[in-house]
Amino acid sequence: MKKPMTDKQIQAEIDRLLAMKPQIRRYTMFGDDNWAKIDLMVKVLEDQMTEDDLMSYLDDEAEDLQMTDDQRCELESDGFHVIGWMEGDEDESPSSGWECLMPKPVEPEKKPAKRPAKKAAKKGKK
């Protein structure tokens, strides 16, 4: 078993998630709310929730969040992953799962290398 994450590591992960959020498409093509998942991850990290805390939170918020059973199950799974990471049981950080949805940086267009100017042919040489 690995060591639990430190407060500094947890804060760094919160900062990464918050920085990524506006760059990630809010809704998937299936209508799932990516931002709600990120918000839950941040909440779990900020409050350093236990599994019981997460379940109580989702019970309290279920109606306000207007989520289906499938959506709740996904949020539970995401929350459990975050808790496992905080406790040192998960290798991948919560933000690592979002990296594939980040826009790729646009590389500047490469200009073709300039060719050296051709020397003018000398005329009149026989």
Protein backbone atom coordinates (compact mmCIF):
# COMPACT_ATOMS: atom_id res chain seq x y z
CA MET A 1 0.00 0.00 0.00
CA LYS A 2 1.26 3.42 -0.92
CA LYS A 3 1.27 6.49 1.29
CA PRO A 4 -1.78 8.73 1.33
CA MET A 5 -1.50 11.98 -0.59
CA THR A 6 -0.35 15.06 1.28
CA ASP A 7 -2.39 18.25 1.56
CA LYS A 8 0.02 19.83 -0.91
CA GLN A 9 -0.52 17.04 -3.46
CA ILE A 10 -4.27 17.25 -3.02
CA GLN A 11 -4.25 21.02 -3.54
CA ALA A 12 -2.11 20.62 -6.67
CA GLU A 13 -4.66 18.13 -8.03
CA ILE A 14 -7.52 20.53 -7.26
CA ASP A 15 -5.64 23.27 -9.12
CA ARG A 16 -5.06 20.98 -12.14
CA LEU A 17 -8.72 19.97 -12.33
CA LEU A 18 -9.91 23.57 -12.07
CA ALA A 19 -7.46 24.65 -14.78
CA MET A 20 -8.58 21.83 -17.09
CA LYS A 21 -12.33 22.29 -16.61
CA PRO A 22 -12.93 25.28 -18.93
CA GLN A 23 -10.91 23.60 -21.69
CA ILE A 24 -12.94 20.39 -21.64
CA ARG A 25 -16.21 20.11 -23.53
CA ARG A 26 -19.04 20.37 -21.04
CA TYR A 27 -21.27 17.65 -22.47
CA THR A 28 -20.29 14.39 -24.10
CA MET A 29 -21.97 13.24 -27.28
CA PHE A 30 -24.18 11.12 -25.00
CA GLY A 31 -25.27 14.12 -22.93
CA ASP A 32 -23.14 13.35 -19.86
CA ASP A 33 -22.00 16.44 -17.97
CA ASN A 34 -18.20 16.38 -17.78
CA TRP A 35 -18.15 19.53 -15.66
CA ALA A 36 -20.42 17.95 -13.02
CA LYS A 37 -17.93 15.08 -12.74
CA ILE A 38 -15.01 17.49 -12.37
CA ASP A 39 -16.95 19.53 -9.80
CA LEU A 40 -17.60 16.36 -7.79
CA MET A 41 -13.92 15.40 -7.94
CA VAL A 42 -12.92 18.83 -6.69
CA LYS A 43 -15.52 18.64 -3.89
CA VAL A 44 -14.25 15.20 -2.79
CA LEU A 45 -10.67 16.54 -2.77
CA GLU A 46 -11.49 19.82 -1.01
CA ASP A 47 -13.47 18.10 1.73
CA GLN A 48 -11.16 15.05 1.76
CA MET A 49 -14.28 12.90 1.81
CA THR A 50 -14.47 9.29 2.89
CA GLU A 51 -16.65 6.80 1.03
CA ASP A 52 -19.42 7.36 3.62
CA ASP A 53 -19.12 11.14 3.16
CA LEU A 54 -19.43 10.71 -0.62
CA MET A 55 -22.53 8.53 -0.35
CA SER A 56 -24.18 10.97 2.09
CA TYR A 57 -23.31 13.89 -0.18
CA LEU A 58 -24.79 12.17 -3.24
CA ASP A 59 -27.91 11.21 -1.25
CA ASP A 60 -28.37 14.84 -0.20
CA GLU A 61 -27.61 16.27 -3.64
CA ALA A 62 -29.36 13.68 -5.82
CA GLU A 63 -32.54 15.67 -6.19
CA ASP A 64 -30.79 19.02 -6.67
CA LEU A 65 -28.46 17.55 -9.28
CA GLN A 66 -31.41 15.91 -11.07
CA MET A 67 -29.39 12.84 -11.95
CA THR A 68 -30.48 9.48 -13.21
CA ASP A 69 -29.42 6.26 -11.51
CA ASP A 70 -26.78 5.74 -14.21
CA GLN A 71 -25.41 9.24 -13.68
CA ARG A 72 -25.29 8.71 -9.95
CA CYS A 73 -23.44 5.43 -10.45
CA GLU A 74 -20.86 7.22 -12.64
CA LEU A 75 -20.41 9.95 -10.03
CA GLU A 76 -20.01 7.34 -7.29
CA SER A 77 -17.36 5.58 -9.35
CA ASP A 78 -15.51 8.85 -10.03
CA GLY A 79 -15.73 9.79 -6.36
CA PHE A 80 -14.43 6.40 -5.24
CA HIS A 81 -11.51 6.75 -7.64
CA VAL A 82 -10.63 10.15 -6.14
CA ILE A 83 -10.84 8.75 -2.61
CA GLY A 84 -8.65 5.81 -3.61
CA TRP A 85 -6.09 8.21 -5.06
CA MET A 86 -6.09 10.34 -1.90
CA GLU A 87 -5.58 7.22 0.21
CA GLY A 88 -2.72 6.04 -2.03
CA ASP A 89 -4.60 3.04 -3.44
CA GLU A 90 -4.93 4.42 -6.99
CA ASP A 91 -1.93 5.19 -9.17
CA GLU A 92 -3.62 7.51 -11.65
CA SER A 93 -4.54 10.96 -10.44
CA PRO A 94 -8.09 12.18 -11.02
CA SER A 95 -6.90 14.73 -13.59
CA SER A 96 -5.06 12.13 -15.67
CA GLY A 97 -8.37 10.78 -16.91
CA TRP A 98 -9.26 14.13 -18.43
CA GLU A 99 -6.03 14.71 -20.36
CA CYS A 100 -7.32 12.91 -23.44
CA LEU A 101 -10.20 15.43 -23.67
CA MET A 102 -7.93 18.45 -23.56
CA PRO A 103 -7.56 20.30 -26.86
CA LYS A 104 -4.28 19.64 -28.57
CA PRO A 105 -2.07 22.70 -28.80
CA VAL A 106 -1.93 24.13 -32.28
CA GLU A 107 1.60 24.09 -33.55
CA PRO A 108 2.69 27.07 -35.58
CA GLU A 109 2.89 26.48 -39.27
CA LYS A 110 6.40 25.62 -40.34
CA LYS A 111 7.72 27.78 -43.14
CA PRO A 112 9.78 26.05 -45.75
CA ALA A 113 13.47 26.70 -45.45
CA LYS A 114 14.71 29.39 -47.76
CA ARG A 115 16.78 28.18 -50.62
CA PRO A 116 20.00 29.98 -51.26
CA ALA A 117 19.69 32.40 -54.13
CA LYS A 118 21.09 31.10 -57.38
CA LYS A 119 23.98 33.02 -58.74
CA ALA A 120 23.23 34.66 -62.04
CA ALA A 121 24.89 32.85 -64.88
CA LYS A 122 27.65 34.89 -66.41
CA LYS A 123 26.83 35.82 -69.96
CA GLY A 124 29.31 36.13 -72.71
CA LYS A 125 31.60 33.44 -71.43
CA LYS A 126 32.62 31.03 -74.10
